[in-house]
Amino acid sequence: MRLGLLLLYVEDFPTMLAFYRDTLGFGVTDEDPGPGHEPGVDWAQLELEGGRLELFDHAVFGRSREYPEPRRNAVVITFQVEDVEAKVAELRAKGVDIPRVHEADWGKAAHFFDPEGNELQVFEAAS
């Protein structure tokens, strides 16, 4: 079994799409989800190395779902990178607040939040 998709229901679709596409640099696929979805307006599929992330406008697709606020304690989405320091510098230059880089025997990591409070992490495994 392998992870295929990560679905993320969002409150402010345009802001969240811009963050994941423009700030984090994930490419938007040309996938057509079929009727009921409007790509780039209420749904988007983003290409990541090793999988895909789909954003859904909660107001359109999640009416029966209630989410606790803040969501900072629910899950951490992690992304492996070759060089944490370089990625952190790139993200900080784009306005992402990343307080520090944590170093341990297993490697380095930095935590930050998307515009809706979902916790994200970039990490680099020790060589």
C-alpha atoms as a PDB file:
ATOM      1  CA  MET A   1       0.000   0.000   0.000  1.00  0.00           C
ATOM      2  CA  ARG A   2       1.211   3.524  -0.735  1.00  0.00           C
ATOM      3  CA  LEU A   3      -0.228   6.958  -0.190  1.00  0.00           C
ATOM      4  CA  GLY A   4      -2.028   8.174  -3.281  1.00  0.00           C
ATOM      5  CA  LEU A   5      -3.819  11.386  -2.330  1.00  0.00           C
ATOM      6  CA  LEU A   6      -4.047  13.757   0.574  1.00  0.00           C
ATOM      7  CA  LEU A   7      -7.396  15.590   0.652  1.00  0.00           C
ATOM      8  CA  LEU A   8      -7.505  18.933   2.414  1.00  0.00           C
ATOM      9  CA  TYR A   9     -10.801  20.752   2.957  1.00  0.00           C
ATOM     10  CA  VAL A  10     -10.182  24.504   3.156  1.00  0.00           C
ATOM     11  CA  GLU A  11     -12.214  27.534   4.182  1.00  0.00           C
ATOM     12  CA  ASP A  12     -10.575  30.179   1.950  1.00  0.00           C
ATOM     13  CA  PHE A  13      -9.943  28.340  -1.306  1.00  0.00           C
ATOM     14  CA  PRO A  14      -8.201  31.155  -3.268  1.00  0.00           C
ATOM     15  CA  THR A  15      -5.774  31.905  -0.425  1.00  0.00           C
ATOM     16  CA  MET A  16      -4.970  28.255   0.186  1.00  0.00           C
ATOM     17  CA  LEU A  17      -4.501  27.491  -3.514  1.00  0.00           C
ATOM     18  CA  ALA A  18      -2.133  30.455  -3.834  1.00  0.00           C
ATOM     19  CA  PHE A  19      -0.154  29.286  -0.784  1.00  0.00           C
ATOM     20  CA  TYR A  20       0.306  25.702  -1.934  1.00  0.00           C
ATOM     21  CA  ARG A  21       0.821  26.604  -5.604  1.00  0.00           C
ATOM     22  CA  ASP A  22       2.776  29.859  -5.428  1.00  0.00           C
ATOM     23  CA  THR A  23       4.472  29.841  -2.027  1.00  0.00           C
ATOM     24  CA  LEU A  24       5.264  26.136  -1.723  1.00  0.00           C
ATOM     25  CA  GLY A  25       5.684  25.743  -5.473  1.00  0.00           C
ATOM     26  CA  PHE A  26       3.467  22.714  -6.131  1.00  0.00           C
ATOM     27  CA  GLY A  27       2.311  22.352  -9.710  1.00  0.00           C
ATOM     28  CA  VAL A  28      -1.406  22.200 -10.480  1.00  0.00           C
ATOM     29  CA  THR A  29      -2.339  19.145 -12.542  1.00  0.00           C
ATOM     30  CA  ASP A  30      -4.620  19.286 -15.562  1.00  0.00           C
ATOM     31  CA  GLU A  31      -6.819  16.567 -14.051  1.00  0.00           C
ATOM     32  CA  ASP A  32     -10.529  16.929 -14.832  1.00  0.00           C
ATOM     33  CA  PRO A  33     -12.455  15.797 -11.756  1.00  0.00           C
ATOM     34  CA  GLY A  34     -15.768  15.668 -13.600  1.00  0.00           C
ATOM     35  CA  PRO A  35     -19.126  17.289 -12.879  1.00  0.00           C
ATOM     36  CA  GLY A  36     -19.593  19.069  -9.571  1.00  0.00           C
ATOM     37  CA  HIS A  37     -16.027  20.364  -9.371  1.00  0.00           C
ATOM     38  CA  GLU A  38     -14.648  23.534 -10.893  1.00  0.00           C
ATOM     39  CA  PRO A  39     -10.836  23.281 -11.119  1.00  0.00           C
ATOM     40  CA  GLY A  40      -9.095  26.353  -9.735  1.00  0.00           C
ATOM     41  CA  VAL A  41     -12.336  27.692  -8.247  1.00  0.00           C
ATOM     42  CA  ASP A  42     -13.480  25.128  -5.672  1.00  0.00           C
ATOM     43  CA  TRP A  43     -11.106  22.208  -6.279  1.00  0.00           C
ATOM     44  CA  ALA A  44      -7.479  21.737  -7.280  1.00  0.00           C
ATOM     45  CA  GLN A  45      -5.085  18.833  -7.548  1.00  0.00           C
ATOM     46  CA  LEU A  46      -1.448  19.619  -6.848  1.00  0.00           C
ATOM     47  CA  GLU A  47       1.439  17.449  -7.984  1.00  0.00           C
ATOM     48  CA  LEU A  48       3.998  16.466  -5.378  1.00  0.00           C
ATOM     49  CA  GLU A  49       6.886  14.104  -5.777  1.00  0.00           C
ATOM     50  CA  GLY A  50       5.450  10.770  -4.630  1.00  0.00           C
ATOM     51  CA  GLY A  51       1.787  11.755  -4.505  1.00  0.00           C
ATOM     52  CA  ARG A  52      -0.859  14.400  -4.938  1.00  0.00           C
ATOM     53  CA  LEU A  53      -2.642  16.879  -2.716  1.00  0.00           C
ATOM     54  CA  GLU A  54      -6.216  17.898  -3.466  1.00  0.00           C
ATOM     55  CA  LEU A  55      -7.766  21.071  -2.086  1.00  0.00           C
ATOM     56  CA  PHE A  56     -11.545  21.168  -1.683  1.00  0.00           C
ATOM     57  CA  ASP A  57     -13.605  24.245  -0.873  1.00  0.00           C
ATOM     58  CA  HIS A  58     -15.229  23.230   2.422  1.00  0.00           C
ATOM     59  CA  ALA A  59     -18.304  25.383   1.752  1.00  0.00           C
ATOM     60  CA  VAL A  60     -19.008  23.452  -1.460  1.00  0.00           C
ATOM     61  CA  PHE A  61     -17.886  19.923  -0.619  1.00  0.00           C
ATOM     62  CA  GLY A  62     -17.763  19.612   3.143  1.00  0.00           C
ATOM     63  CA  ARG A  63     -21.107  20.846   4.373  1.00  0.00           C
ATOM     64  CA  SER A  64     -21.550  17.813   6.647  1.00  0.00           C
ATOM     65  CA  ARG A  65     -18.028  18.062   8.055  1.00  0.00           C
ATOM     66  CA  GLU A  66     -17.147  20.138  11.099  1.00  0.00           C
ATOM     67  CA  TYR A  67     -13.518  20.889  11.858  1.00  0.00           C
ATOM     68  CA  PRO A  68     -12.082  22.020  15.180  1.00  0.00           C
ATOM     69  CA  GLU A  69     -10.283  25.340  15.193  1.00  0.00           C
ATOM     70  CA  PRO A  70      -7.425  25.705  15.343  1.00  0.00           C
ATOM     71  CA  ARG A  71      -6.472  22.540  13.493  1.00  0.00           C
ATOM     72  CA  ARG A  72      -2.884  22.682  14.668  1.00  0.00           C
ATOM     73  CA  ASN A  73      -3.230  19.550  16.774  1.00  0.00           C
ATOM     74  CA  ALA A  74      -4.863  17.268  14.192  1.00  0.00           C
ATOM     75  CA  VAL A  75      -2.081  16.354  11.755  1.00  0.00           C
ATOM     76  CA  VAL A  76       1.323  17.471  10.500  1.00  0.00           C
ATOM     77  CA  ILE A  77       1.929  17.283   6.750  1.00  0.00           C
ATOM     78  CA  THR A  78       5.624  16.663   6.127  1.00  0.00           C
ATOM     79  CA  PHE A  79       7.675  17.181   2.987  1.00  0.00           C
ATOM     80  CA  GLN A  80      11.145  15.710   2.569  1.00  0.00           C
ATOM     81  CA  VAL A  81      13.708  18.026   0.991  1.00  0.00           C
ATOM     82  CA  GLU A  82      17.379  17.702   0.104  1.00  0.00           C
ATOM     83  CA  ASP A  83      18.462  20.825   2.022  1.00  0.00           C
ATOM     84  CA  VAL A  84      16.292  22.137   4.864  1.00  0.00           C
ATOM     85  CA  GLU A  85      18.318  25.326   5.327  1.00  0.00           C
ATOM     86  CA  ALA A  86      17.927  26.258   1.645  1.00  0.00           C
ATOM     87  CA  LYS A  87      14.192  25.462   1.636  1.00  0.00           C
ATOM     88  CA  VAL A  88      13.654  27.456   4.831  1.00  0.00           C
ATOM     89  CA  ALA A  89      15.499  30.454   3.332  1.00  0.00           C
ATOM     90  CA  GLU A  90      13.351  30.201   0.185  1.00  0.00           C
ATOM     91  CA  LEU A  91      10.103  30.010   2.165  1.00  0.00           C
ATOM     92  CA  ARG A  92      11.091  32.846   4.503  1.00  0.00           C
ATOM     93  CA  ALA A  93      11.829  35.015   1.451  1.00  0.00           C
ATOM     94  CA  LYS A  94       8.231  34.348   0.374  1.00  0.00           C
ATOM     95  CA  GLY A  95       6.924  35.511   3.755  1.00  0.00           C
ATOM     96  CA  VAL A  96       6.474  32.177   5.538  1.00  0.00           C
ATOM     97  CA  ASP A  97       7.086  32.438   9.286  1.00  0.00           C
ATOM     98  CA  ILE A  98       9.484  29.658  10.236  1.00  0.00           C
ATOM     99  CA  PRO A  99      10.866  30.224  13.743  1.00  0.00           C
ATOM    100  CA  ARG A 100      13.768  27.777  13.677  1.00  0.00           C
ATOM    101  CA  VAL A 101      15.356  24.658  12.252  1.00  0.00           C
ATOM    102  CA  HIS A 102      15.514  21.716  14.645  1.00  0.00           C
ATOM    103  CA  GLU A 103      18.535  19.419  14.416  1.00  0.00           C
ATOM    104  CA  ALA A 104      18.680  15.839  15.726  1.00  0.00           C
ATOM    105  CA  ASP A 105      20.591  12.632  15.072  1.00  0.00           C
ATOM    106  CA  TRP A 106      18.075  11.661  12.378  1.00  0.00           C
ATOM    107  CA  GLY A 107      18.385  14.984  10.480  1.00  0.00           C
ATOM    108  CA  LYS A 108      16.861  18.477  10.422  1.00  0.00           C
ATOM    109  CA  ALA A 109      13.298  19.782  10.390  1.00  0.00           C
ATOM    110  CA  ALA A 110      11.416  23.058  10.362  1.00  0.00           C
ATOM    111  CA  HIS A 111       7.737  23.522  11.238  1.00  0.00           C
ATOM    112  CA  PHE A 112       5.394  26.218   9.951  1.00  0.00           C
ATOM    113  CA  PHE A 113       1.689  26.750   9.282  1.00  0.00           C
ATOM    114  CA  ASP A 114      -0.403  27.311   6.189  1.00  0.00           C
ATOM    115  CA  PRO A 115      -2.845  30.271   6.166  1.00  0.00           C
ATOM    116  CA  GLU A 116      -5.571  28.198   7.875  1.00  0.00           C
ATOM    117  CA  GLY A 117      -3.399  26.851  10.680  1.00  0.00           C
ATOM    118  CA  ASN A 118      -2.541  23.399   9.313  1.00  0.00           C
ATOM    119  CA  GLU A 119       0.910  22.432  10.568  1.00  0.00           C
ATOM    120  CA  LEU A 120       3.493  21.674   7.899  1.00  0.00           C
ATOM    121  CA  GLN A 121       7.084  20.482   8.141  1.00  0.00           C
ATOM    122  CA  VAL A 122      10.052  20.259   5.823  1.00  0.00           C
ATOM    123  CA  PHE A 123      12.683  17.738   6.835  1.00  0.00           C
ATOM    124  CA  GLU A 124      16.053  16.483   5.699  1.00  0.00           C
ATOM    125  CA  ALA A 125      17.293  13.033   6.681  1.00  0.00           C
ATOM    126  CA  ALA A 126      20.844  12.760   8.021  1.00  0.00           C
ATOM    127  CA  SER A 127      23.259  11.381   5.468  1.00  0.00           C
END
